[in-house]
mmCIF file of all heavy atoms, coordinates in Angstrom:
data_MODEL
# 
_entry.id   MODEL 
# 
loop_
_atom_site.group_PDB 
_atom_site.id 
_atom_site.type_symbol 
_atom_site.label_atom_id 
_atom_site.label_alt_id 
_atom_site.label_comp_id 
_atom_site.label_asym_id 
_atom_site.label_entity_id 
_atom_site.label_seq_id 
_atom_site.pdbx_PDB_ins_code 
_atom_site.Cartn_x 
_atom_site.Cartn_y 
_atom_site.Cartn_z 
_atom_site.occupancy 
_atom_site.B_iso_or_equiv 
_atom_site.pdbx_formal_charge 
_atom_site.auth_seq_id 
_atom_site.auth_comp_id 
_atom_site.auth_asym_id 
_atom_site.auth_atom_id 
_atom_site.pdbx_PDB_model_num 
ATOM 1   N N   . ASN A 1 1  ? -25.211 8.682  0.572   1.00 0.00 ? 1  ASN A N   1 
ATOM 2   C CA  . ASN A 1 1  ? -25.311 9.805  -0.353  1.00 0.00 ? 1  ASN A CA  1 
ATOM 3   C C   . ASN A 1 1  ? -24.561 9.436  -1.624  1.00 0.00 ? 1  ASN A C   1 
ATOM 4   O O   . ASN A 1 1  ? -23.540 8.749  -1.575  1.00 0.00 ? 1  ASN A O   1 
ATOM 5   C CB  . ASN A 1 1  ? -24.685 11.060 0.268   1.00 0.00 ? 1  ASN A CB  1 
ATOM 6   C CG  . ASN A 1 1  ? -24.607 12.213 -0.706  1.00 0.00 ? 1  ASN A CG  1 
ATOM 7   O OD1 . ASN A 1 1  ? -25.610 12.848 -1.015  1.00 0.00 ? 1  ASN A OD1 1 
ATOM 8   N ND2 . ASN A 1 1  ? -23.404 12.495 -1.210  1.00 0.00 ? 1  ASN A ND2 1 
ATOM 9   N N   . THR A 1 2  ? -25.062 9.910  -2.750  1.00 0.00 ? 2  THR A N   1 
ATOM 10  C CA  . THR A 1 2  ? -24.423 9.642  -4.030  1.00 0.00 ? 2  THR A CA  1 
ATOM 11  C C   . THR A 1 2  ? -23.927 10.930 -4.661  1.00 0.00 ? 2  THR A C   1 
ATOM 12  O O   . THR A 1 2  ? -24.704 11.881 -4.826  1.00 0.00 ? 2  THR A O   1 
ATOM 13  C CB  . THR A 1 2  ? -25.391 8.952  -5.006  1.00 0.00 ? 2  THR A CB  1 
ATOM 14  O OG1 . THR A 1 2  ? -25.846 7.722  -4.433  1.00 0.00 ? 2  THR A OG1 1 
ATOM 15  C CG2 . THR A 1 2  ? -24.712 8.661  -6.335  1.00 0.00 ? 2  THR A CG2 1 
ATOM 16  N N   . ILE A 1 3  ? -22.642 10.973 -4.992  1.00 0.00 ? 3  ILE A N   1 
ATOM 17  C CA  . ILE A 1 3  ? -22.105 12.027 -5.848  1.00 0.00 ? 3  ILE A CA  1 
ATOM 18  C C   . ILE A 1 3  ? -22.321 11.577 -7.292  1.00 0.00 ? 3  ILE A C   1 
ATOM 19  O O   . ILE A 1 3  ? -21.926 10.474 -7.658  1.00 0.00 ? 3  ILE A O   1 
ATOM 20  C CB  . ILE A 1 3  ? -20.607 12.255 -5.600  1.00 0.00 ? 3  ILE A CB  1 
ATOM 21  C CG1 . ILE A 1 3  ? -20.348 12.679 -4.150  1.00 0.00 ? 3  ILE A CG1 1 
ATOM 22  C CG2 . ILE A 1 3  ? -20.046 13.302 -6.562  1.00 0.00 ? 3  ILE A CG2 1 
ATOM 23  C CD1 . ILE A 1 3  ? -18.862 12.735 -3.798  1.00 0.00 ? 3  ILE A CD1 1 
ATOM 24  N N   . SER A 1 4  ? -22.950 12.421 -8.097  1.00 0.00 ? 4  SER A N   1 
ATOM 25  C CA  . SER A 1 4  ? -23.207 12.076 -9.492  1.00 0.00 ? 4  SER A CA  1 
ATOM 26  C C   . SER A 1 4  ? -22.359 12.936 -10.410 1.00 0.00 ? 4  SER A C   1 
ATOM 27  O O   . SER A 1 4  ? -22.391 14.166 -10.325 1.00 0.00 ? 4  SER A O   1 
ATOM 28  C CB  . SER A 1 4  ? -24.688 12.265 -9.836  1.00 0.00 ? 4  SER A CB  1 
ATOM 29  O OG  . SER A 1 4  ? -25.481 11.332 -9.131  1.00 0.00 ? 4  SER A OG  1 
ATOM 30  N N   . ILE A 1 5  ? -21.608 12.273 -11.288 1.00 0.00 ? 5  ILE A N   1 
ATOM 31  C CA  . ILE A 1 5  ? -20.828 12.954 -12.314 1.00 0.00 ? 5  ILE A CA  1 
ATOM 32  C C   . ILE A 1 5  ? -21.557 12.754 -13.637 1.00 0.00 ? 5  ILE A C   1 
ATOM 33  O O   . ILE A 1 5  ? -21.779 11.625 -14.071 1.00 0.00 ? 5  ILE A O   1 
ATOM 34  C CB  . ILE A 1 5  ? -19.408 12.388 -12.410 1.00 0.00 ? 5  ILE A CB  1 
ATOM 35  C CG1 . ILE A 1 5  ? -18.706 12.465 -11.052 1.00 0.00 ? 5  ILE A CG1 1 
ATOM 36  C CG2 . ILE A 1 5  ? -18.600 13.132 -13.463 1.00 0.00 ? 5  ILE A CG2 1 
ATOM 37  C CD1 . ILE A 1 5  ? -17.393 11.704 -11.001 1.00 0.00 ? 5  ILE A CD1 1 
ATOM 38  N N   . VAL A 1 6  ? -21.950 13.852 -14.254 1.00 0.00 ? 6  VAL A N   1 
ATOM 39  C CA  . VAL A 1 6  ? -22.705 13.797 -15.500 1.00 0.00 ? 6  VAL A CA  1 
ATOM 40  C C   . VAL A 1 6  ? -21.851 14.382 -16.621 1.00 0.00 ? 6  VAL A C   1 
ATOM 41  O O   . VAL A 1 6  ? -21.425 15.539 -16.545 1.00 0.00 ? 6  VAL A O   1 
ATOM 42  C CB  . VAL A 1 6  ? -24.024 14.575 -15.389 1.00 0.00 ? 6  VAL A CB  1 
ATOM 43  C CG1 . VAL A 1 6  ? -24.760 14.573 -16.716 1.00 0.00 ? 6  VAL A CG1 1 
ATOM 44  C CG2 . VAL A 1 6  ? -24.898 13.968 -14.295 1.00 0.00 ? 6  VAL A CG2 1 
ATOM 45  N N   . ALA A 1 7  ? -21.595 13.583 -17.654 1.00 0.00 ? 7  ALA A N   1 
ATOM 46  C CA  . ALA A 1 7  ? -20.847 14.038 -18.826 1.00 0.00 ? 7  ALA A CA  1 
ATOM 47  C C   . ALA A 1 7  ? -21.804 14.125 -20.002 1.00 0.00 ? 7  ALA A C   1 
ATOM 48  O O   . ALA A 1 7  ? -22.611 13.220 -20.249 1.00 0.00 ? 7  ALA A O   1 
ATOM 49  C CB  . ALA A 1 7  ? -19.710 13.077 -19.142 1.00 0.00 ? 7  ALA A CB  1 
ATOM 50  N N   . CYS A 1 8  ? -21.710 15.243 -20.733 1.00 0.00 ? 8  CYS A N   1 
ATOM 51  C CA  . CYS A 1 8  ? -22.570 15.463 -21.892 1.00 0.00 ? 8  CYS A CA  1 
ATOM 52  C C   . CYS A 1 8  ? -21.892 16.471 -22.796 1.00 0.00 ? 8  CYS A C   1 
ATOM 53  O O   . CYS A 1 8  ? -21.339 17.474 -22.317 1.00 0.00 ? 8  CYS A O   1 
ATOM 54  C CB  . CYS A 1 8  ? -23.933 15.983 -21.437 1.00 0.00 ? 8  CYS A CB  1 
ATOM 55  S SG  . CYS A 1 8  ? -25.119 16.277 -22.764 1.00 0.00 ? 8  CYS A SG  1 
ATOM 56  N N   . ASP A 1 9  ? -21.918 16.229 -24.077 1.00 0.00 ? 9  ASP A N   1 
ATOM 57  C CA  . ASP A 1 9  ? -21.322 17.150 -25.057 1.00 0.00 ? 9  ASP A CA  1 
ATOM 58  C C   . ASP A 1 9  ? -19.860 17.463 -24.741 1.00 0.00 ? 9  ASP A C   1 
ATOM 59  O O   . ASP A 1 9  ? -19.385 18.574 -24.972 1.00 0.00 ? 9  ASP A O   1 
ATOM 60  C CB  . ASP A 1 9  ? -22.113 18.460 -25.132 1.00 0.00 ? 9  ASP A CB  1 
ATOM 61  C CG  . ASP A 1 9  ? -23.489 18.278 -25.753 1.00 0.00 ? 9  ASP A CG  1 
ATOM 62  O OD1 . ASP A 1 9  ? -23.704 17.248 -26.424 1.00 0.00 ? 9  ASP A OD1 1 
ATOM 63  O OD2 . ASP A 1 9  ? -24.340 19.162 -25.587 1.00 0.00 ? 9  ASP A OD2 1 
ATOM 64  N N   . GLY A 1 10 ? -19.151 16.485 -24.181 1.00 0.00 ? 10 GLY A N   1 
ATOM 65  C CA  . GLY A 1 10 ? -17.742 16.672 -23.888 1.00 0.00 ? 10 GLY A CA  1 
ATOM 66  C C   . GLY A 1 10 ? -17.447 17.458 -22.633 1.00 0.00 ? 10 GLY A C   1 
ATOM 67  O O   . GLY A 1 10 ? -16.282 17.773 -22.349 1.00 0.00 ? 10 GLY A O   1 
ATOM 68  N N   . LEU A 1 11 ? -18.474 17.784 -21.844 1.00 0.00 ? 11 LEU A N   1 
ATOM 69  C CA  . LEU A 1 11 ? -18.305 18.546 -20.611 1.00 0.00 ? 11 LEU A CA  1 
ATOM 70  C C   . LEU A 1 11 ? -18.743 17.697 -19.419 1.00 0.00 ? 11 LEU A C   1 
ATOM 71  O O   . LEU A 1 11 ? -19.558 16.787 -19.548 1.00 0.00 ? 11 LEU A O   1 
ATOM 72  C CB  . LEU A 1 11 ? -19.122 19.836 -20.675 1.00 0.00 ? 11 LEU A CB  1 
ATOM 73  C CG  . LEU A 1 11 ? -18.741 20.780 -21.827 1.00 0.00 ? 11 LEU A CG  1 
ATOM 74  C CD1 . LEU A 1 11 ? -19.708 21.949 -21.895 1.00 0.00 ? 11 LEU A CD1 1 
ATOM 75  C CD2 . LEU A 1 11 ? -17.312 21.274 -21.677 1.00 0.00 ? 11 LEU A CD2 1 
ATOM 76  N N   . LYS A 1 12 ? -18.193 18.028 -18.236 1.00 0.00 ? 12 LYS A N   1 
ATOM 77  C CA  . LYS A 1 12 ? -18.395 17.151 -17.079 1.00 0.00 ? 12 LYS A CA  1 
ATOM 78  C C   . LYS A 1 12 ? -18.751 17.971 -15.840 1.00 0.00 ? 12 LYS A C   1 
ATOM 79  O O   . LYS A 1 12 ? -18.025 18.886 -15.456 1.00 0.00 ? 12 LYS A O   1 
ATOM 80  C CB  . LYS A 1 12 ? -17.126 16.328 -16.842 1.00 0.00 ? 12 LYS A CB  1 
ATOM 81  C CG  . LYS A 1 12 ? -17.295 15.218 -15.814 1.00 0.00 ? 12 LYS A CG  1 
ATOM 82  C CD  . LYS A 1 12 ? -16.198 14.168 -15.934 1.00 0.00 ? 12 LYS A CD  1 
ATOM 83  C CE  . LYS A 1 12 ? -14.814 14.701 -15.641 1.00 0.00 ? 12 LYS A CE  1 
ATOM 84  N NZ  . LYS A 1 12 ? -13.830 13.601 -15.515 1.00 0.00 ? 12 LYS A NZ  1 
ATOM 85  N N   . VAL A 1 13 ? -19.878 17.590 -15.217 1.00 0.00 ? 13 VAL A N   1 
ATOM 86  C CA  . VAL A 1 13 ? -20.403 18.272 -14.042 1.00 0.00 ? 13 VAL A CA  1 
ATOM 87  C C   . VAL A 1 13 ? -20.586 17.251 -12.922 1.00 0.00 ? 13 VAL A C   1 
ATOM 88  O O   . VAL A 1 13 ? -21.086 16.144 -13.156 1.00 0.00 ? 13 VAL A O   1 
ATOM 89  C CB  . VAL A 1 13 ? -21.764 18.929 -14.350 1.00 0.00 ? 13 VAL A CB  1 
ATOM 90  C CG1 . VAL A 1 13 ? -22.388 19.518 -13.093 1.00 0.00 ? 13 VAL A CG1 1 
ATOM 91  C CG2 . VAL A 1 13 ? -21.605 19.999 -15.425 1.00 0.00 ? 13 VAL A CG2 1 
ATOM 92  N N   . ALA A 1 14 ? -20.217 17.630 -11.690 1.00 0.00 ? 14 ALA A N   1 
ATOM 93  C CA  . ALA A 1 14 ? -20.441 16.766 -10.531 1.00 0.00 ? 14 ALA A CA  1 
ATOM 94  C C   . ALA A 1 14 ? -21.335 17.470 -9.523  1.00 0.00 ? 14 ALA A C   1 
ATOM 95  O O   . ALA A 1 14 ? -21.088 18.632 -9.152  1.00 0.00 ? 14 ALA A O   1 
ATOM 96  C CB  . ALA A 1 14 ? -19.123 16.390 -9.870  1.00 0.00 ? 14 ALA A CB  1 
ATOM 97  N N   . HIS A 1 15 ? -22.384 16.776 -9.098  1.00 0.00 ? 15 HIS A N   1 
ATOM 98  C CA  . HIS A 1 15 ? -23.259 17.246 -8.024  1.00 0.00 ? 15 HIS A CA  1 
ATOM 99  C C   . HIS A 1 15 ? -22.981 16.368 -6.809  1.00 0.00 ? 15 HIS A C   1 
ATOM 100 O O   . HIS A 1 15 ? -23.112 15.151 -6.867  1.00 0.00 ? 15 HIS A O   1 
ATOM 101 C CB  . HIS A 1 15 ? -24.723 17.136 -8.453  1.00 0.00 ? 15 HIS A CB  1 
ATOM 102 C CG  . HIS A 1 15 ? -25.686 17.739 -7.489  1.00 0.00 ? 15 HIS A CG  1 
ATOM 103 N ND1 . HIS A 1 15 ? -26.024 17.127 -6.308  1.00 0.00 ? 15 HIS A ND1 1 
ATOM 104 C CD2 . HIS A 1 15 ? -26.385 18.918 -7.517  1.00 0.00 ? 15 HIS A CD2 1 
ATOM 105 C CE1 . HIS A 1 15 ? -26.899 17.885 -5.657  1.00 0.00 ? 15 HIS A CE1 1 
ATOM 106 N NE2 . HIS A 1 15 ? -27.128 18.980 -6.371  1.00 0.00 ? 15 HIS A NE2 1 
ATOM 107 N N   . PHE A 1 16 ? -22.600 17.000 -5.702  1.00 0.00 ? 16 PHE A N   1 
ATOM 108 C CA  . PHE A 1 16 ? -22.124 16.267 -4.532  1.00 0.00 ? 16 PHE A CA  1 
ATOM 109 C C   . PHE A 1 16 ? -23.236 15.874 -3.575  1.00 0.00 ? 16 PHE A C   1 
ATOM 110 O O   . PHE A 1 16 ? -22.966 15.211 -2.565  1.00 0.00 ? 16 PHE A O   1 
ATOM 111 C CB  . PHE A 1 16 ? -21.069 17.089 -3.801  1.00 0.00 ? 16 PHE A CB  1 
ATOM 112 C CG  . PHE A 1 16 ? -19.721 17.110 -4.469  1.00 0.00 ? 16 PHE A CG  1 
ATOM 113 C CD1 . PHE A 1 16 ? -19.521 17.774 -5.668  1.00 0.00 ? 16 PHE A CD1 1 
ATOM 114 C CD2 . PHE A 1 16 ? -18.641 16.457 -3.900  1.00 0.00 ? 16 PHE A CD2 1 
ATOM 115 C CE1 . PHE A 1 16 ? -18.285 17.799 -6.296  1.00 0.00 ? 16 PHE A CE1 1 
ATOM 116 C CE2 . PHE A 1 16 ? -17.390 16.472 -4.509  1.00 0.00 ? 16 PHE A CE2 1 
ATOM 117 C CZ  . PHE A 1 16 ? -17.215 17.145 -5.714  1.00 0.00 ? 16 PHE A CZ  1 
ATOM 118 N N   . GLY A 1 17 ? -24.486 16.259 -3.861  1.00 0.00 ? 17 GLY A N   1 
ATOM 119 C CA  . GLY A 1 17 ? -25.589 15.887 -2.991  1.00 0.00 ? 17 GLY A CA  1 
ATOM 120 C C   . GLY A 1 17 ? -25.390 16.394 -1.579  1.00 0.00 ? 17 GLY A C   1 
ATOM 121 O O   . GLY A 1 17 ? -24.855 17.485 -1.352  1.00 0.00 ? 17 GLY A O   1 
ATOM 122 N N   . ASP A 1 18 ? -25.820 15.602 -0.605  1.00 0.00 ? 18 ASP A N   1 
ATOM 123 C CA  . ASP A 1 18 ? -25.632 15.932 0.813   1.00 0.00 ? 18 ASP A CA  1 
ATOM 124 C C   . ASP A 1 18 ? -24.400 15.213 1.348   1.00 0.00 ? 18 ASP A C   1 
ATOM 125 O O   . ASP A 1 18 ? -24.477 14.445 2.318   1.00 0.00 ? 18 ASP A O   1 
ATOM 126 C CB  . ASP A 1 18 ? -26.872 15.533 1.620   1.00 0.00 ? 18 ASP A CB  1 
ATOM 127 C CG  . ASP A 1 18 ? -27.806 16.713 1.840   1.00 0.00 ? 18 ASP A CG  1 
ATOM 128 O OD1 . ASP A 1 18 ? -27.572 17.788 1.262   1.00 0.00 ? 18 ASP A OD1 1 
ATOM 129 O OD2 . ASP A 1 18 ? -28.782 16.562 2.600   1.00 0.00 ? 18 ASP A OD2 1 
ATOM 130 N N   . LEU A 1 19 ? -23.283 15.444 0.726   1.00 0.00 ? 19 LEU A N   1 
ATOM 131 C CA  . LEU A 1 19 ? -22.041 14.806 1.160   1.00 0.00 ? 19 LEU A CA  1 
ATOM 132 C C   . LEU A 1 19 ? -21.739 15.182 2.604   1.00 0.00 ? 19 LEU A C   1 
ATOM 133 O O   . LEU A 1 19 ? -21.651 16.365 2.935   1.00 0.00 ? 19 LEU A O   1 
ATOM 134 C CB  . LEU A 1 19 ? -20.891 15.240 0.253   1.00 0.00 ? 19 LEU A CB  1 
ATOM 135 C CG  . LEU A 1 19 ? -19.518 14.663 0.578   1.00 0.00 ? 19 LEU A CG  1 
ATOM 136 C CD1 . LEU A 1 19 ? -19.492 13.159 0.341   1.00 0.00 ? 19 LEU A CD1 1 
ATOM 137 C CD2 . LEU A 1 19 ? -18.445 15.365 -0.242  1.00 0.00 ? 19 LEU A CD2 1 
ATOM 138 N N   . GLY A 1 20 ? -21.549 14.161 3.443   1.00 0.00 ? 20 GLY A N   1 
ATOM 139 C CA  . GLY A 1 20 ? -21.294 14.412 4.859   1.00 0.00 ? 20 GLY A CA  1 
ATOM 140 C C   . GLY A 1 20 ? -19.935 13.971 5.324   1.00 0.00 ? 20 GLY A C   1 
ATOM 141 O O   . GLY A 1 20 ? -19.643 14.007 6.529   1.00 0.00 ? 20 GLY A O   1 
ATOM 142 N N   . CYS A 1 21 ? -19.087 13.544 4.406   1.00 0.00 ? 21 CYS A N   1 
ATOM 143 C CA  . CYS A 1 21 ? -17.750 13.066 4.757   1.00 0.00 ? 21 CYS A CA  1 
ATOM 144 C C   . CYS A 1 21 ? -16.788 13.454 3.645   1.00 0.00 ? 21 CYS A C   1 
ATOM 145 O O   . CYS A 1 21 ? -17.207 13.733 2.517   1.00 0.00 ? 21 CYS A O   1 
ATOM 146 C CB  . CYS A 1 21 ? -17.757 11.545 4.941   1.00 0.00 ? 21 CYS A CB  1 
ATOM 147 S SG  . CYS A 1 21 ? -18.288 10.639 3.459   1.00 0.00 ? 21 CYS A SG  1 
ATOM 148 N N   . VAL A 1 22 ? -15.520 13.456 3.969   1.00 0.00 ? 22 VAL A N   1 
ATOM 149 C CA  . VAL A 1 22 ? -14.506 13.739 2.953   1.00 0.00 ? 22 VAL A CA  1 
ATOM 150 C C   . VAL A 1 22 ? -14.283 12.472 2.133   1.00 0.00 ? 22 VAL A C   1 
ATOM 151 O O   . VAL A 1 22 ? -14.027 11.402 2.697   1.00 0.00 ? 22 VAL A O   1 
ATOM 152 C CB  . VAL A 1 22 ? -13.192 14.192 3.610   1.00 0.00 ? 22 VAL A CB  1 
ATOM 153 C CG1 . VAL A 1 22 ? -12.101 14.385 2.557   1.00 0.00 ? 22 VAL A CG1 1 
ATOM 154 C CG2 . VAL A 1 22 ? -13.420 15.490 4.387   1.00 0.00 ? 22 VAL A CG2 1 
ATOM 155 N N   . PRO A 1 23 ? -14.396 12.531 0.822   1.00 0.00 ? 23 PRO A N   1 
ATOM 156 C CA  . PRO A 1 23 ? -14.201 11.332 -0.009  1.00 0.00 ? 23 PRO A CA  1 
ATOM 157 C C   . PRO A 1 23 ? -12.796 10.756 0.146   1.00 0.00 ? 23 PRO A C   1 
ATOM 158 O O   . PRO A 1 23 ? -11.839 11.475 0.483   1.00 0.00 ? 23 PRO A O   1 
ATOM 159 C CB  . PRO A 1 23 ? -14.426 11.849 -1.432  1.00 0.00 ? 23 PRO A CB  1 
ATOM 160 C CG  . PRO A 1 23 ? -15.267 13.074 -1.266  1.00 0.00 ? 23 PRO A CG  1 
ATOM 161 C CD  . PRO A 1 23 ? -14.815 13.687 0.020   1.00 0.00 ? 23 PRO A CD  1 
ATOM 162 N N   . THR A 1 24 ? -12.676 9.474  -0.132  1.00 0.00 ? 24 THR A N   1 
ATOM 163 C CA  . THR A 1 24 ? -11.372 8.827  -0.101  1.00 0.00 ? 24 THR A CA  1 
ATOM 164 C C   . THR A 1 24 ? -10.532 9.291  -1.290  1.00 0.00 ? 24 THR A C   1 
ATOM 165 O O   . THR A 1 24 ? -11.050 9.877  -2.243  1.00 0.00 ? 24 THR A O   1 
ATOM 166 C CB  . THR A 1 24 ? -11.519 7.309  -0.162  1.00 0.00 ? 24 THR A CB  1 
ATOM 167 O OG1 . THR A 1 24 ? -12.059 6.948  -1.445  1.00 0.00 ? 24 THR A OG1 1 
ATOM 168 C CG2 . THR A 1 24 ? -12.449 6.796  0.941   1.00 0.00 ? 24 THR A CG2 1 
ATOM 169 N N   . GLU A 1 25 ? -9.249  8.998  -1.247  1.00 0.00 ? 25 GLU A N   1 
ATOM 170 C CA  . GLU A 1 25 ? -8.379  9.372  -2.364  1.00 0.00 ? 25 GLU A CA  1 
ATOM 171 C C   . GLU A 1 25 ? -8.818  8.685  -3.657  1.00 0.00 ? 25 GLU A C   1 
ATOM 172 O O   . GLU A 1 25 ? -8.760  9.277  -4.740  1.00 0.00 ? 25 GLU A O   1 
ATOM 173 C CB  . GLU A 1 25 ? -6.923  9.025  -2.042  1.00 0.00 ? 25 GLU A CB  1 
ATOM 174 C CG  . GLU A 1 25 ? -6.327  9.869  -0.925  1.00 0.00 ? 25 GLU A CG  1 
ATOM 175 C CD  . GLU A 1 25 ? -6.305  11.352 -1.243  1.00 0.00 ? 25 GLU A CD  1 
ATOM 176 O OE1 . GLU A 1 25 ? -6.018  11.700 -2.409  1.00 0.00 ? 25 GLU A OE1 1 
ATOM 177 O OE2 . GLU A 1 25 ? -6.582  12.166 -0.348  1.00 0.00 ? 25 GLU A OE2 1 
# 
């Protein structure tokens, strides 16, 4: 699964998709 971070116009959005595990630090 891919978490996508999209930055545009100085703002930042993350879509976590079908995340099935806790991300690492």
